[in-house]
Structure formats: C-alpha cells, structure tokens
C-alpha cells in the first residue's frame, strides 16, 4: 500500500455555521498531526449580501457600514478560531477574511495563493432551498478544487452529526 504524503498547508473555510466550527476543529487536528500550517479563511460574498438586503429591505445596495460590521464580526470569529488553533499547539496559523465569490475563492484562488494542499469544509451551511437554487460551496469546491478536499460530516469522535 502506498504511503500518503503529509499535508503541509491546510486551509479551512468558515462561514459562522456549526458545520464550519466542526470543520475548524477537524482542520486543527489534521494540521497538528501533519505539523502543517493552518489557514482559516472566510469569504464574504457581496452579491449574496446584496440579495439579502434586497429581500429584506426592497433595495439592492447594502450600506457600507453593514458590510464593515459583517466583516468585523467575521474577523472576530476567525481570530477566535486562530487562538484555539494556537492553544492546541499549532505553530503557523493565519487568518484571511475577504470579499468575493465564495465558491471561486475557496476552490481556486485562496488555495493557490496560500499553497494549500488540503481544503477542509463543513458539509454545508446552506438549507435545502439554497442548495437547489445555487448549490452549496462544499459541492462546488469538491468538484472544482485542484487539491484534496475533506468534507466534515462527523464530530471529533467521528460520530455522525445529527442535522435535525
């Protein structure tokens, strides 16, 4: 049986969901086991935020202050994840919060920029209607990434996560 090579640069995508939190936990374990760098990334999709604003308020533009607040909240969340990774013993942990097309950024641009050789994502943060309308980020990344992708469906004890 061929031996698998160690991952050197693990990238985990987060969106504030419970699934993403579990993905971070697993990514920390994988990075620690492989003595790898960990990159915790979040992509804020402006077009989705604009659609949310249109649905809620009847207009297409999102106030820049709202975007700043949203980014600030995500910055705080990924910083908390970074602190947990450092406390777990990881030596190289970076965080990146950016705006863009989350599918494209997670599947192609960020892995290339960061030199990721493994992408870790939660199974899905989207509900059934969102997956039917636009597909999930996870399914897009699995289909289009040039590196290995780990989709987290279990907890740290490898027990199935109850979705309901």
N, C-alpha and C. Protein backbone atom coordinates (compact mmCIF):
# COMPACT_ATOMS: atom_id res chain seq x y z
N UNK A 1 0.85 -1.18 0.00
CA UNK A 1 0.00 0.00 0.00
C UNK A 1 0.89 1.23 0.00
N UNK A 2 0.61 2.16 -0.90
CA UNK A 2 1.41 3.38 -1.00
C UNK A 2 1.16 4.26 0.23
N UNK A 3 2.21 4.91 0.67
CA UNK A 3 2.08 5.81 1.81
C UNK A 3 1.63 7.18 1.34
N UNK A 4 0.67 7.74 2.07
CA UNK A 4 0.19 9.08 1.74
C UNK A 4 1.18 10.10 2.24
N UNK A 5 1.36 11.16 1.46
CA UNK A 5 2.26 12.22 1.90
C UNK A 5 1.55 13.09 2.93
N UNK A 6 2.32 13.76 3.74
CA UNK A 6 1.77 14.66 4.74
C UNK A 6 1.30 15.94 4.07
N UNK A 7 0.23 16.48 4.61
CA UNK A 7 -0.23 17.79 4.16
C UNK A 7 0.63 18.84 4.85
N UNK A 8 1.01 19.86 4.10
CA UNK A 8 1.85 20.93 4.64
C UNK A 8 1.08 22.22 4.88
N UNK A 9 0.02 22.45 4.11
CA UNK A 9 -0.75 23.69 4.19
C UNK A 9 -2.24 23.36 4.13
N UNK A 10 -2.87 23.40 5.29
CA UNK A 10 -4.29 23.06 5.41
C UNK A 10 -5.09 24.36 5.45
N UNK A 11 -6.08 24.44 4.58
CA UNK A 11 -6.96 25.61 4.54
C UNK A 11 -8.35 25.18 4.95
N UNK A 12 -8.96 25.91 5.88
CA UNK A 12 -10.32 25.62 6.29
C UNK A 12 -11.19 26.84 6.05
N UNK A 13 -12.33 26.62 5.41
CA UNK A 13 -13.26 27.70 5.12
C UNK A 13 -14.34 27.78 6.19
N UNK A 14 -14.61 28.99 6.66
CA UNK A 14 -15.62 29.18 7.70
C UNK A 14 -16.64 30.23 7.27
N UNK A 15 -17.87 30.04 7.77
CA UNK A 15 -18.95 30.97 7.44
C UNK A 15 -19.81 31.32 8.65
N UNK A 16 -19.40 30.89 9.83
CA UNK A 16 -20.16 31.18 11.03
C UNK A 16 -21.14 30.08 11.41
N UNK A 17 -21.25 29.03 10.60
CA UNK A 17 -22.19 27.94 10.88
C UNK A 17 -21.59 26.93 11.85
N UNK A 18 -22.46 26.08 12.40
CA UNK A 18 -21.99 24.99 13.28
C UNK A 18 -21.12 24.02 12.49
N UNK A 19 -21.48 23.79 11.22
CA UNK A 19 -20.70 22.89 10.38
C UNK A 19 -19.28 23.42 10.20
N UNK A 20 -19.16 24.73 10.03
CA UNK A 20 -17.83 25.34 9.86
C UNK A 20 -17.02 25.22 11.14
N UNK A 21 -17.66 25.36 12.29
CA UNK A 21 -16.95 25.21 13.57
C UNK A 21 -16.38 23.80 13.68
N UNK A 22 -17.17 22.81 13.30
CA UNK A 22 -16.68 21.42 13.33
C UNK A 22 -15.53 21.23 12.33
N UNK A 23 -15.64 21.90 11.19
CA UNK A 23 -14.57 21.80 10.19
C UNK A 23 -13.27 22.38 10.75
N UNK A 24 -13.36 23.49 11.48
CA UNK A 24 -12.17 24.09 12.09
C UNK A 24 -11.56 23.11 13.09
N UNK A 25 -12.40 22.50 13.90
CA UNK A 25 -11.90 21.54 14.89
C UNK A 25 -11.15 20.40 14.22
N UNK A 26 -11.72 19.86 13.16
CA UNK A 26 -11.05 18.76 12.43
C UNK A 26 -9.79 19.26 11.74
N UNK A 27 -9.84 20.47 11.17
CA UNK A 27 -8.66 21.01 10.48
C UNK A 27 -7.51 21.20 11.47
N UNK A 28 -7.80 21.61 12.68
CA UNK A 28 -6.76 21.76 13.71
C UNK A 28 -6.11 20.41 13.98
N UNK A 29 -6.92 19.37 14.11
CA UNK A 29 -6.40 18.02 14.37
C UNK A 29 -5.52 17.56 13.21
N UNK A 30 -6.01 17.75 11.98
CA UNK A 30 -5.25 17.33 10.80
C UNK A 30 -3.94 18.11 10.69
N UNK A 31 -3.99 19.42 10.89
CA UNK A 31 -2.78 20.25 10.80
C UNK A 31 -1.77 19.86 11.88
N UNK A 32 -2.27 19.60 13.06
CA UNK A 32 -1.37 19.21 14.16
C UNK A 32 -0.72 17.86 13.86
N UNK A 33 -1.50 16.91 13.40
CA UNK A 33 -0.98 15.57 13.08
C UNK A 33 0.09 15.64 11.99
N UNK A 34 -0.09 16.56 11.05
CA UNK A 34 0.84 16.67 9.93
C UNK A 34 1.90 17.74 10.14
N UNK A 35 1.88 18.41 11.30
CA UNK A 35 2.79 19.54 11.57
C UNK A 35 2.72 20.55 10.43
N UNK A 36 1.49 20.86 10.03
CA UNK A 36 1.25 21.72 8.87
C UNK A 36 0.85 23.13 9.31
N UNK A 37 0.95 24.04 8.38
CA UNK A 37 0.40 25.39 8.56
C UNK A 37 -1.11 25.30 8.42
N UNK A 38 -1.82 26.14 9.17
CA UNK A 38 -3.27 26.18 9.08
C UNK A 38 -3.69 27.58 8.66
N UNK A 39 -4.52 27.63 7.62
CA UNK A 39 -5.07 28.89 7.11
C UNK A 39 -6.57 28.85 7.33
N UNK A 40 -7.07 29.75 8.15
CA UNK A 40 -8.50 29.84 8.42
C UNK A 40 -9.03 31.00 7.59
N UNK A 41 -9.93 30.68 6.65
CA UNK A 41 -10.37 31.69 5.69
C UNK A 41 -11.89 31.83 5.70
N UNK A 42 -12.34 33.03 5.41
CA UNK A 42 -13.77 33.29 5.24
C UNK A 42 -13.92 34.24 4.06
N UNK A 43 -14.87 33.92 3.20
CA UNK A 43 -15.13 34.76 2.03
C UNK A 43 -16.54 35.32 2.17
N UNK A 44 -16.62 36.63 2.23
CA UNK A 44 -17.90 37.32 2.34
C UNK A 44 -18.38 37.62 0.93
N UNK A 45 -19.46 37.00 0.55
CA UNK A 45 -19.98 37.10 -0.80
C UNK A 45 -20.90 38.32 -0.89
N UNK A 46 -20.40 39.41 -1.48
CA UNK A 46 -21.15 40.67 -1.55
C UNK A 46 -22.46 40.50 -2.31
N UNK A 47 -22.47 39.71 -3.37
CA UNK A 47 -23.72 39.54 -4.14
C UNK A 47 -24.78 38.87 -3.30
N UNK A 48 -24.40 37.91 -2.44
CA UNK A 48 -25.37 37.27 -1.56
C UNK A 48 -25.86 38.27 -0.51
N UNK A 49 -24.97 39.12 0.00
CA UNK A 49 -25.37 40.13 0.97
C UNK A 49 -26.31 41.14 0.32
N UNK A 50 -26.05 41.49 -0.94
CA UNK A 50 -26.91 42.42 -1.66
C UNK A 50 -28.29 41.80 -1.86
N UNK A 51 -28.34 40.52 -2.20
CA UNK A 51 -29.63 39.84 -2.37
C UNK A 51 -30.38 39.81 -1.06
N UNK A 52 -29.67 39.59 0.04
CA UNK A 52 -30.29 39.59 1.35
C UNK A 52 -30.89 40.96 1.64
N UNK A 53 -30.15 42.01 1.33
CA UNK A 53 -30.64 43.36 1.54
C UNK A 53 -31.87 43.64 0.70
N UNK A 54 -31.86 43.18 -0.55
CA UNK A 54 -32.99 43.39 -1.45
C UNK A 54 -34.23 42.66 -0.93
N UNK A 55 -34.04 41.43 -0.46
CA UNK A 55 -35.17 40.65 0.04
C UNK A 55 -35.73 41.27 1.32
N UNK A 56 -34.87 41.77 2.17
CA UNK A 56 -35.31 42.32 3.45
C UNK A 56 -35.84 43.74 3.34
N UNK A 57 -35.15 44.56 2.54
CA UNK A 57 -35.44 45.99 2.56
C UNK A 57 -35.96 46.54 1.24
N UNK A 58 -36.01 45.70 0.18
CA UNK A 58 -36.57 46.15 -1.08
C UNK A 58 -35.62 46.96 -1.93
N UNK A 59 -34.34 46.94 -1.63
CA UNK A 59 -33.37 47.65 -2.47
C UNK A 59 -32.14 46.77 -2.63
N UNK A 60 -31.31 47.10 -3.65
CA UNK A 60 -30.19 46.24 -3.99
C UNK A 60 -28.89 46.60 -3.33
N UNK A 61 -28.73 47.82 -2.89
CA UNK A 61 -27.46 48.24 -2.31
C UNK A 61 -27.41 47.91 -0.83
N UNK A 62 -26.23 47.56 -0.37
CA UNK A 62 -26.02 47.31 1.05
C UNK A 62 -25.17 48.45 1.59
N UNK A 63 -25.61 49.03 2.68
CA UNK A 63 -24.90 50.12 3.32
C UNK A 63 -23.47 49.68 3.64
N UNK A 64 -22.46 50.48 3.28
CA UNK A 64 -21.07 50.11 3.58
C UNK A 64 -20.84 49.84 5.06
N UNK A 65 -21.57 50.52 5.92
CA UNK A 65 -21.44 50.28 7.36
C UNK A 65 -21.87 48.87 7.74
N UNK A 66 -22.90 48.36 7.05
CA UNK A 66 -23.35 46.99 7.30
C UNK A 66 -22.26 46.01 6.89
N UNK A 67 -21.65 46.24 5.72
CA UNK A 67 -20.55 45.38 5.27
C UNK A 67 -19.38 45.42 6.24
N UNK A 68 -19.06 46.62 6.71
CA UNK A 68 -17.96 46.75 7.69
C UNK A 68 -18.27 45.98 8.97
N UNK A 69 -19.51 46.08 9.43
CA UNK A 69 -19.90 45.36 10.65
C UNK A 69 -19.82 43.85 10.43
N UNK A 70 -20.31 43.41 9.27
CA UNK A 70 -20.29 41.98 8.96
C UNK A 70 -18.85 41.47 8.91
N UNK A 71 -17.96 42.24 8.26
CA UNK A 71 -16.56 41.84 8.18
C UNK A 71 -15.92 41.85 9.57
N UNK A 72 -16.23 42.86 10.36
CA UNK A 72 -15.67 42.94 11.71
C UNK A 72 -16.08 41.72 12.53
N UNK A 73 -17.35 41.31 12.45
CA UNK A 73 -17.82 40.14 13.18
C UNK A 73 -17.11 38.88 12.72
N UNK A 74 -16.90 38.75 11.39
CA UNK A 74 -16.20 37.57 10.88
C UNK A 74 -14.73 37.60 11.28
N UNK A 75 -14.11 38.79 11.26
CA UNK A 75 -12.72 38.92 11.73
C UNK A 75 -12.59 38.41 13.17
N UNK A 76 -13.55 38.76 14.01
CA UNK A 76 -13.51 38.33 15.41
C UNK A 76 -13.67 36.81 15.52
N UNK A 77 -14.57 36.24 14.72
CA UNK A 77 -14.78 34.80 14.76
C UNK A 77 -13.53 34.04 14.33
N UNK A 78 -12.93 34.44 13.21
CA UNK A 78 -11.74 33.70 12.75
C UNK A 78 -10.56 33.93 13.69
N UNK A 79 -10.50 35.08 14.34
CA UNK A 79 -9.45 35.31 15.34
C UNK A 79 -9.63 34.36 16.52
N UNK A 80 -10.87 34.11 16.89
CA UNK A 80 -11.16 33.15 17.97
C UNK A 80 -10.71 31.75 17.56
N UNK A 81 -10.99 31.38 16.32
CA UNK A 81 -10.55 30.08 15.81
C UNK A 81 -9.02 30.00 15.77
N UNK A 82 -8.36 31.10 15.37
CA UNK A 82 -6.89 31.14 15.35
C UNK A 82 -6.35 30.91 16.76
N UNK A 83 -6.92 31.58 17.75
CA UNK A 83 -6.47 31.42 19.13
C UNK A 83 -6.63 29.97 19.59
N UNK A 84 -7.73 29.32 19.21
CA UNK A 84 -7.94 27.91 19.58
C UNK A 84 -6.88 27.02 18.93
N UNK A 85 -6.52 27.32 17.69
CA UNK A 85 -5.50 26.53 16.99
C UNK A 85 -4.14 26.69 17.65
N UNK A 86 -3.81 27.91 18.04
CA UNK A 86 -2.53 28.17 18.71
C UNK A 86 -2.51 27.46 20.07
N UNK A 87 -3.62 27.53 20.79
CA UNK A 87 -3.71 26.84 22.08
C UNK A 87 -3.57 25.34 21.92
N UNK A 88 -4.00 24.80 20.77
CA UNK A 88 -3.88 23.37 20.50
C UNK A 88 -2.45 22.98 20.14
N UNK A 89 -1.57 23.98 19.97
CA UNK A 89 -0.16 23.68 19.72
C UNK A 89 0.32 23.93 18.30
N UNK A 90 -0.53 24.49 17.44
CA UNK A 90 -0.08 24.77 16.09
C UNK A 90 0.86 25.98 16.09
N UNK A 91 1.90 25.88 15.30
CA UNK A 91 2.91 26.93 15.26
C UNK A 91 2.62 28.01 14.21
N UNK A 92 2.06 27.59 13.08
CA UNK A 92 1.82 28.52 11.97
C UNK A 92 0.32 28.55 11.67
N UNK A 93 -0.34 29.62 12.11
CA UNK A 93 -1.78 29.79 11.87
C UNK A 93 -1.99 31.19 11.33
N UNK A 94 -2.67 31.28 10.19
CA UNK A 94 -3.01 32.57 9.60
C UNK A 94 -4.51 32.64 9.38
N UNK A 95 -5.04 33.86 9.43
CA UNK A 95 -6.45 34.07 9.12
C UNK A 95 -6.57 35.05 7.96
N UNK A 96 -7.59 34.81 7.14
CA UNK A 96 -7.86 35.66 5.99
C UNK A 96 -9.37 35.82 5.84
N UNK A 97 -9.84 37.05 5.90
CA UNK A 97 -11.25 37.36 5.64
C UNK A 97 -11.28 38.30 4.45
N UNK A 98 -12.01 37.90 3.42
CA UNK A 98 -12.00 38.67 2.18
C UNK A 98 -13.41 38.73 1.59
N UNK A 99 -13.60 39.61 0.65
CA UNK A 99 -14.85 39.70 -0.10
C UNK A 99 -14.65 39.04 -1.45
N UNK A 100 -15.70 38.43 -1.98
CA UNK A 100 -15.60 37.84 -3.30
C UNK A 100 -16.64 36.75 -3.51
N UNK A 101 -16.47 36.00 -4.58
CA UNK A 101 -17.32 34.86 -4.87
C UNK A 101 -16.80 33.70 -4.04
N UNK A 102 -17.56 33.28 -3.04
CA UNK A 102 -17.05 32.29 -2.08
C UNK A 102 -16.69 30.97 -2.76
N UNK A 103 -17.45 30.53 -3.73
CA UNK A 103 -17.15 29.27 -4.39
C UNK A 103 -15.81 29.33 -5.11
N UNK A 104 -15.62 30.37 -5.90
CA UNK A 104 -14.38 30.53 -6.66
C UNK A 104 -13.18 30.74 -5.74
N UNK A 105 -13.35 31.57 -4.73
CA UNK A 105 -12.24 31.84 -3.80
C UNK A 105 -11.82 30.58 -3.05
N UNK A 106 -12.80 29.81 -2.56
CA UNK A 106 -12.49 28.61 -1.78
C UNK A 106 -11.94 27.48 -2.64
N UNK A 107 -12.40 27.37 -3.87
CA UNK A 107 -11.98 26.26 -4.73
C UNK A 107 -10.67 26.53 -5.44
N UNK A 108 -10.43 27.77 -5.83
CA UNK A 108 -9.29 28.05 -6.71
C UNK A 108 -8.33 29.11 -6.18
N UNK A 109 -8.83 30.34 -5.98
CA UNK A 109 -7.94 31.47 -5.71
C UNK A 109 -7.19 31.36 -4.39
N UNK A 110 -7.89 31.14 -3.29
CA UNK A 110 -7.21 31.07 -1.99
C UNK A 110 -6.28 29.87 -1.88
N UNK A 111 -6.68 28.67 -2.32
CA UNK A 111 -5.73 27.56 -2.25
C UNK A 111 -4.44 27.84 -3.03
N UNK A 112 -4.58 28.47 -4.19
CA UNK A 112 -3.41 28.80 -4.99
C UNK A 112 -2.56 29.85 -4.28
N UNK A 113 -3.20 30.90 -3.78
CA UNK A 113 -2.49 31.97 -3.08
C UNK A 113 -1.75 31.47 -1.85
N UNK A 114 -2.38 30.58 -1.10
CA UNK A 114 -1.82 30.11 0.17
C UNK A 114 -0.99 28.83 0.02
N UNK A 115 -1.00 28.24 -1.14
CA UNK A 115 -0.26 26.99 -1.34
C UNK A 115 -0.91 25.83 -0.62
N UNK A 116 -2.24 25.87 -0.46
CA UNK A 116 -2.95 24.82 0.26
C UNK A 116 -2.87 23.50 -0.49
N UNK A 117 -2.65 22.41 0.26
CA UNK A 117 -2.70 21.09 -0.34
C UNK A 117 -3.85 20.27 0.24
N UNK A 118 -4.62 20.87 1.15
CA UNK A 118 -5.85 20.27 1.65
C UNK A 118 -6.82 21.39 2.01
N UNK A 119 -8.07 21.24 1.55
CA UNK A 119 -9.15 22.17 1.89
C UNK A 119 -10.12 21.42 2.79
N UNK A 120 -10.48 22.02 3.91
CA UNK A 120 -11.44 21.41 4.85
C UNK A 120 -12.67 22.31 4.92
N UNK A 121 -13.84 21.71 4.74
CA UNK A 121 -15.11 22.45 4.79
C UNK A 121 -16.15 21.64 5.53
N UNK A 122 -17.10 22.33 6.15
CA UNK A 122 -18.27 21.66 6.70
C UNK A 122 -19.14 21.17 5.57
N UNK A 123 -19.94 20.14 5.85
CA UNK A 123 -20.75 19.52 4.80
C UNK A 123 -21.57 20.55 4.04
N UNK A 124 -22.27 21.42 4.73
CA UNK A 124 -22.99 22.51 4.08
C UNK A 124 -23.54 23.45 5.13
N UNK A 125 -23.53 24.72 4.80
CA UNK A 125 -24.16 25.71 5.66
C UNK A 125 -25.47 26.17 5.05
N UNK A 126 -25.76 25.70 3.84
CA UNK A 126 -26.96 26.14 3.11
C UNK A 126 -28.15 25.24 3.44
N UNK A 127 -29.33 25.82 3.39
CA UNK A 127 -30.52 24.99 3.57
C UNK A 127 -30.90 24.35 2.24
N UNK A 128 -31.93 23.51 2.25
CA UNK A 128 -32.31 22.75 1.05
C UNK A 128 -32.63 23.67 -0.12
N UNK A 129 -33.38 24.74 0.12
CA UNK A 129 -33.76 25.65 -0.97
C UNK A 129 -32.52 26.33 -1.54
N UNK A 130 -31.60 26.81 -0.67
CA UNK A 130 -30.38 27.46 -1.16
C UNK A 130 -29.54 26.49 -1.99
N UNK A 131 -29.44 25.22 -1.57
CA UNK A 131 -28.67 24.24 -2.34
C UNK A 131 -29.30 24.01 -3.70
N UNK A 132 -30.65 23.96 -3.76
CA UNK A 132 -31.34 23.76 -5.05
C UNK A 132 -31.14 24.96 -5.96
N UNK A 133 -31.16 26.16 -5.39
CA UNK A 133 -31.07 27.38 -6.19
C UNK A 133 -29.64 27.65 -6.67
N UNK A 134 -28.67 27.47 -5.80
CA UNK A 134 -27.31 27.89 -6.16
C UNK A 134 -26.26 26.83 -5.91
N UNK A 135 -26.61 25.71 -5.30
CA UNK A 135 -25.63 24.70 -4.97
C UNK A 135 -24.83 25.13 -3.75
N UNK A 136 -24.27 24.20 -3.05
CA UNK A 136 -23.50 24.56 -1.87
C UNK A 136 -22.06 24.86 -2.23
N UNK A 137 -21.41 25.66 -1.38
CA UNK A 137 -19.98 25.90 -1.56
C UNK A 137 -19.22 24.59 -1.51
N UNK A 138 -19.58 23.72 -0.58
CA UNK A 138 -18.86 22.46 -0.42
C UNK A 138 -18.92 21.64 -1.70
N UNK A 139 -20.10 21.53 -2.30
CA UNK A 139 -20.18 20.71 -3.50
C UNK A 139 -19.41 21.33 -4.66
N UNK A 140 -19.40 22.65 -4.75
CA UNK A 140 -18.64 23.33 -5.80
C UNK A 140 -17.13 23.09 -5.60
N UNK A 141 -16.67 23.22 -4.36
CA UNK A 141 -15.24 23.03 -4.08
C UNK A 141 -14.81 21.60 -4.37
N UNK A 142 -15.61 20.62 -3.96
CA UNK A 142 -15.29 19.22 -4.23
C UNK A 142 -15.13 19.00 -5.73
N UNK A 143 -16.01 19.59 -6.50
CA UNK A 143 -15.99 19.40 -7.96
C UNK A 143 -14.86 20.14 -8.65
N UNK A 144 -14.46 21.30 -8.14
CA UNK A 144 -13.56 22.18 -8.89
C UNK A 144 -12.17 22.41 -8.30
N UNK A 145 -11.92 21.99 -7.07
CA UNK A 145 -10.61 22.23 -6.46
C UNK A 145 -9.54 21.34 -7.10
N UNK A 146 -8.33 21.86 -7.15
CA UNK A 146 -7.21 21.12 -7.71
C UNK A 146 -6.45 20.32 -6.64
N UNK A 147 -6.87 20.45 -5.38
CA UNK A 147 -6.20 19.75 -4.28
C UNK A 147 -7.24 18.91 -3.53
N UNK A 148 -6.77 18.10 -2.58
CA UNK A 148 -7.66 17.26 -1.79
C UNK A 148 -8.63 18.12 -0.99
N UNK A 149 -9.84 17.59 -0.83
CA UNK A 149 -10.88 18.28 -0.07
C UNK A 149 -11.44 17.30 0.97
N UNK A 150 -11.51 17.76 2.21
CA UNK A 150 -12.10 16.99 3.29
C UNK A 150 -13.41 17.65 3.67
N UNK A 151 -14.52 16.94 3.50
CA UNK A 151 -15.83 17.45 3.89
C UNK A 151 -16.16 16.83 5.25
N UNK A 152 -16.36 17.67 6.24
CA UNK A 152 -16.59 17.21 7.61
C UNK A 152 -18.06 16.90 7.81
N UNK A 153 -18.32 15.63 8.13
CA UNK A 153 -19.68 15.17 8.39
C UNK A 153 -19.80 14.56 9.79
N UNK A 154 -18.69 14.47 10.51
CA UNK A 154 -18.69 13.84 11.83
C UNK A 154 -18.05 14.77 12.85
N UNK A 155 -18.28 14.48 14.12
CA UNK A 155 -17.65 15.27 15.16
C UNK A 155 -16.23 14.77 15.42
N UNK A 156 -15.57 15.29 16.44
CA UNK A 156 -14.19 14.91 16.71
C UNK A 156 -14.04 13.45 17.11
N UNK A 157 -15.11 12.82 17.56
CA UNK A 157 -15.08 11.40 17.89
C UNK A 157 -15.54 10.54 16.72
N UNK A 158 -15.63 11.16 15.54
CA UNK A 158 -16.08 10.51 14.31
C UNK A 158 -17.48 9.94 14.43
N UNK A 159 -18.30 10.59 15.24
CA UNK A 159 -19.71 10.21 15.33
C UNK A 159 -20.51 11.08 14.37
N UNK A 160 -21.48 10.47 13.72
CA UNK A 160 -22.28 11.20 12.74
C UNK A 160 -22.95 12.39 13.40
N UNK A 161 -22.90 13.52 12.72
CA UNK A 161 -23.54 14.73 13.21
C UNK A 161 -25.02 14.67 12.86
N UNK A 162 -25.85 14.88 13.86
CA UNK A 162 -27.29 14.91 13.63
C UNK A 162 -27.66 16.28 13.06
N UNK A 163 -28.27 16.27 11.88
CA UNK A 163 -28.59 17.51 11.18
C UNK A 163 -29.90 18.10 11.69
N UNK A 164 -30.80 17.29 12.17
CA UNK A 164 -32.13 17.77 12.57
C UNK A 164 -32.19 18.07 14.03
